């Protein structure tokens, strides 16, 4: 079964939204359809007005119940907070799939222009006032990340498509694992096992 993927982003000026859309195209290249959601705005309208922020996109706002329907997520996180968020996501048992260099070395090592993105993931520079749009190179990196992520998660068996972990453990002569349909190693509900 093809994994269900949600792309969840926050974007003040629309830059991360553009990267999310490029990642969706990359996922499509990997044979995966994805849904895009945005995080609810927390800044008051008067602050957004002072910052000359454009209106929010038409993508639906994500919530916990929505996220329960998905097997995998791509998060669009602005302003260099991605590394800080990894600790929280790891404590919840999420598996992080970085962009890496394997499929993107030429783009990441391109020194002919200033660009966002790193082995951690696709990125863009917005400028202090949001006036700089994502470049073609930055959008290409996001597309590569979407495709690479899609190819990686396609190797994972989603809940309901394979034996549970106890059955796999019994087949291998090991025991003591909880069912994949009950809870994961960290005690939170588990959705998948890596084969």
Protein backbone atom coordinates (compact mmCIF):
# COMPACT_ATOMS: atom_id res chain seq x y z
CA UNK A 1 0.00 0.00 0.00
CA UNK A 2 1.28 3.48 -0.87
CA UNK A 3 2.00 5.57 2.26
CA UNK A 4 -0.28 8.53 2.93
CA UNK A 5 1.79 11.70 3.18
CA UNK A 6 0.93 15.11 4.59
CA UNK A 7 3.10 18.14 3.91
CA UNK A 8 2.68 20.55 6.82
CA UNK A 9 4.15 24.05 6.63
CA UNK A 10 4.16 27.48 8.19
CA UNK A 11 4.94 30.37 5.88
CA UNK A 12 4.74 34.08 6.67
CA UNK A 13 5.53 35.37 3.18
CA UNK A 14 4.80 32.25 1.10
CA UNK A 15 8.35 30.95 0.64
CA UNK A 16 7.89 27.73 2.58
CA UNK A 17 4.54 27.21 0.83
CA UNK A 18 6.41 27.28 -2.51
CA UNK A 19 8.89 24.70 -1.24
CA UNK A 20 5.99 22.52 0.01
CA UNK A 21 4.42 22.60 -3.45
CA UNK A 22 7.75 21.61 -5.05
CA UNK A 23 8.12 18.75 -2.55
CA UNK A 24 4.64 17.57 -3.51
CA UNK A 25 5.78 17.40 -7.15
CA UNK A 26 8.80 15.35 -6.07
CA UNK A 27 6.58 12.95 -4.15
CA UNK A 28 4.45 12.57 -7.26
CA UNK A 29 7.59 11.53 -9.19
CA UNK A 30 8.01 8.79 -6.58
CA UNK A 31 4.43 7.65 -7.14
CA UNK A 32 2.97 9.21 -3.99
CA UNK A 33 0.13 11.71 -3.79
CA UNK A 34 0.40 14.09 -0.85
CA UNK A 35 -1.92 16.56 0.83
CA UNK A 36 -0.69 20.01 1.86
CA UNK A 37 -1.73 21.69 5.12
CA UNK A 38 -0.68 24.90 6.79
CA UNK A 39 -0.13 25.62 10.47
CA UNK A 40 -2.57 28.09 12.00
CA UNK A 41 -1.29 31.65 12.25
CA UNK A 42 -0.51 32.78 15.78
CA UNK A 43 0.51 36.39 15.10
CA UNK A 44 -2.18 39.06 15.54
CA UNK A 45 -3.41 40.70 12.33
CA UNK A 46 -1.94 44.09 13.35
CA UNK A 47 1.52 42.51 13.55
CA UNK A 48 1.06 40.78 10.19
CA UNK A 49 0.00 44.12 8.68
CA UNK A 50 3.11 45.88 10.07
CA UNK A 51 5.25 43.10 8.59
CA UNK A 52 3.54 43.51 5.18
CA UNK A 53 2.62 39.82 5.23
CA UNK A 54 0.39 38.70 2.36
CA UNK A 55 -2.90 36.89 3.08
CA UNK A 56 -2.58 33.23 4.09
CA UNK A 57 -2.91 30.54 1.43
CA UNK A 58 -6.07 28.54 0.84
CA UNK A 59 -4.55 25.31 2.16
CA UNK A 60 -6.51 23.85 5.09
CA UNK A 61 -5.17 24.29 8.60
CA UNK A 62 -3.74 21.10 10.10
CA UNK A 63 -4.89 19.62 13.38
CA UNK A 64 -4.05 16.54 15.45
CA UNK A 65 -7.02 14.53 14.14
CA UNK A 66 -5.98 15.25 10.56
CA UNK A 67 -2.41 14.09 11.20
CA UNK A 68 -3.63 10.74 12.58
CA UNK A 69 -4.73 9.83 9.04
CA UNK A 70 -1.20 9.94 7.62
CA UNK A 71 1.76 7.57 7.62
CA UNK A 72 4.48 10.16 6.94
CA UNK A 73 5.00 13.92 7.07
CA UNK A 74 7.19 16.53 5.48
CA UNK A 75 7.40 19.61 7.69
CA UNK A 76 8.13 23.07 6.30
CA UNK A 77 9.68 24.97 9.19
CA UNK A 78 10.95 28.55 8.71
CA UNK A 79 13.79 30.55 10.28
CA UNK A 80 16.37 27.92 11.11
CA UNK A 81 14.30 26.12 13.81
CA UNK A 82 14.40 22.72 12.08
CA UNK A 83 17.33 21.36 14.08
CA UNK A 84 15.69 22.44 17.36
CA UNK A 85 12.48 20.65 16.35
CA UNK A 86 14.30 17.38 15.65
CA UNK A 87 14.77 16.73 19.36
CA UNK A 88 11.03 17.00 20.02
CA UNK A 89 10.12 14.86 17.03
CA UNK A 90 12.67 12.22 18.02
CA UNK A 91 11.22 12.03 21.53
CA UNK A 92 7.88 11.21 19.91
CA UNK A 93 9.44 8.35 17.96
CA UNK A 94 9.37 9.94 14.53
CA UNK A 95 11.94 8.80 12.01
CA UNK A 96 13.76 11.69 10.33
CA UNK A 97 14.66 11.30 6.65
CA UNK A 98 17.21 13.98 5.68
CA UNK A 99 17.77 15.24 2.16
CA UNK A 100 21.44 14.22 2.30
CA UNK A 101 23.90 14.50 -0.58
CA UNK A 102 23.15 11.27 -2.47
CA UNK A 103 20.65 12.81 -4.91
CA UNK A 104 21.42 16.50 -4.43
CA UNK A 105 25.18 16.96 -4.28
CA UNK A 106 25.41 18.97 -7.52
CA UNK A 107 22.67 21.34 -6.40
CA UNK A 108 23.85 21.73 -2.80
CA UNK A 109 27.48 22.32 -3.83
CA UNK A 110 26.52 24.83 -6.54
CA UNK A 111 28.43 28.03 -5.76
CA UNK A 112 27.26 30.01 -8.78
CA UNK A 113 24.46 31.56 -6.71
CA UNK A 114 23.53 32.10 -3.09
CA UNK A 115 20.87 29.56 -2.15
CA UNK A 116 19.15 27.86 0.75
CA UNK A 117 19.13 24.16 1.44
CA UNK A 118 21.55 21.78 3.10
CA UNK A 119 21.87 18.04 3.72
CA UNK A 120 19.28 18.61 6.48
CA UNK A 121 16.67 19.56 3.89
CA UNK A 122 15.47 22.00 1.25
CA UNK A 123 15.50 25.66 2.16
CA UNK A 124 15.29 29.19 0.84
CA UNK A 125 16.26 32.73 1.76
CA UNK A 126 13.40 35.18 2.04
CA UNK A 127 15.17 38.43 2.83
CA UNK A 128 14.25 40.50 5.86
CA UNK A 129 11.09 41.80 4.24
CA UNK A 130 10.12 38.65 2.35
CA UNK A 131 10.89 40.22 -1.01
CA UNK A 132 13.15 37.45 -2.31
CA UNK A 133 11.30 34.53 -3.90
CA UNK A 134 12.64 30.95 -3.88
CA UNK A 135 15.04 30.47 -6.77
CA UNK A 136 14.74 27.74 -9.40
CA UNK A 137 17.65 25.95 -7.69
CA UNK A 138 15.94 26.06 -4.29
CA UNK A 139 12.70 24.72 -5.80
CA UNK A 140 14.68 21.98 -7.56
CA UNK A 141 16.19 20.95 -4.21
CA UNK A 142 12.69 20.78 -2.69
CA UNK A 143 11.50 18.60 -5.58
CA UNK A 144 14.51 16.31 -5.11
CA UNK A 145 13.76 16.12 -1.39
CA UNK A 146 10.13 15.18 -2.07
CA UNK A 147 11.13 12.45 -4.51
CA UNK A 148 13.91 11.11 -2.27
CA UNK A 149 11.59 11.13 0.76
CA UNK A 150 8.91 9.32 -1.27
CA UNK A 151 11.35 6.64 -2.41
CA UNK A 152 12.56 6.14 1.17
CA UNK A 153 9.14 5.88 2.81
CA UNK A 154 7.94 3.52 0.07
CA UNK A 155 10.26 0.96 1.68
CA UNK A 156 8.21 1.12 4.90
CA UNK A 157 5.24 -1.16 5.49
CA UNK A 158 2.26 0.82 6.72
CA UNK A 159 -0.13 -0.51 9.33
CA UNK A 160 -2.50 -3.10 7.90
CA UNK A 161 -0.22 -4.16 5.04
CA UNK A 162 2.05 -6.61 6.83
CA UNK A 163 2.35 -8.90 9.80
CA UNK A 164 2.71 -7.11 13.08
CA UNK A 165 6.04 -6.89 14.88
CA UNK A 166 5.24 -9.87 17.14
CA UNK A 167 4.67 -12.09 14.08
CA UNK A 168 7.91 -10.89 12.50
CA UNK A 169 9.77 -11.47 15.77
CA UNK A 170 8.32 -14.98 16.07
CA UNK A 171 9.35 -15.74 12.47
CA UNK A 172 12.91 -14.61 13.24
CA UNK A 173 13.09 -16.47 16.56
CA UNK A 174 12.97 -13.28 18.65
CA UNK A 175 10.20 -12.18 20.98
CA UNK A 176 9.24 -9.38 23.31
CA UNK A 177 8.18 -6.72 20.79
CA UNK A 178 4.83 -4.97 21.05
CA UNK A 179 2.40 -5.23 18.18
CA UNK A 180 2.82 -2.53 15.52
CA UNK A 181 -0.94 -1.94 15.79
CA UNK A 182 -0.69 -1.23 19.54
CA UNK A 183 2.32 0.85 20.43
CA UNK A 184 5.80 1.64 19.29
CA UNK A 185 9.04 1.35 21.21
CA UNK A 186 8.56 4.74 22.87
CA UNK A 187 5.03 3.85 24.09
CA UNK A 188 3.21 6.03 21.57
CA UNK A 189 0.88 4.49 18.96
CA UNK A 190 2.87 2.92 16.15
CA UNK A 191 1.91 3.19 12.50
CA UNK A 192 4.71 1.33 10.75
CA UNK A 193 7.66 -0.98 10.89
CA UNK A 194 10.74 -0.70 8.72
CA UNK A 195 11.28 -3.86 6.68
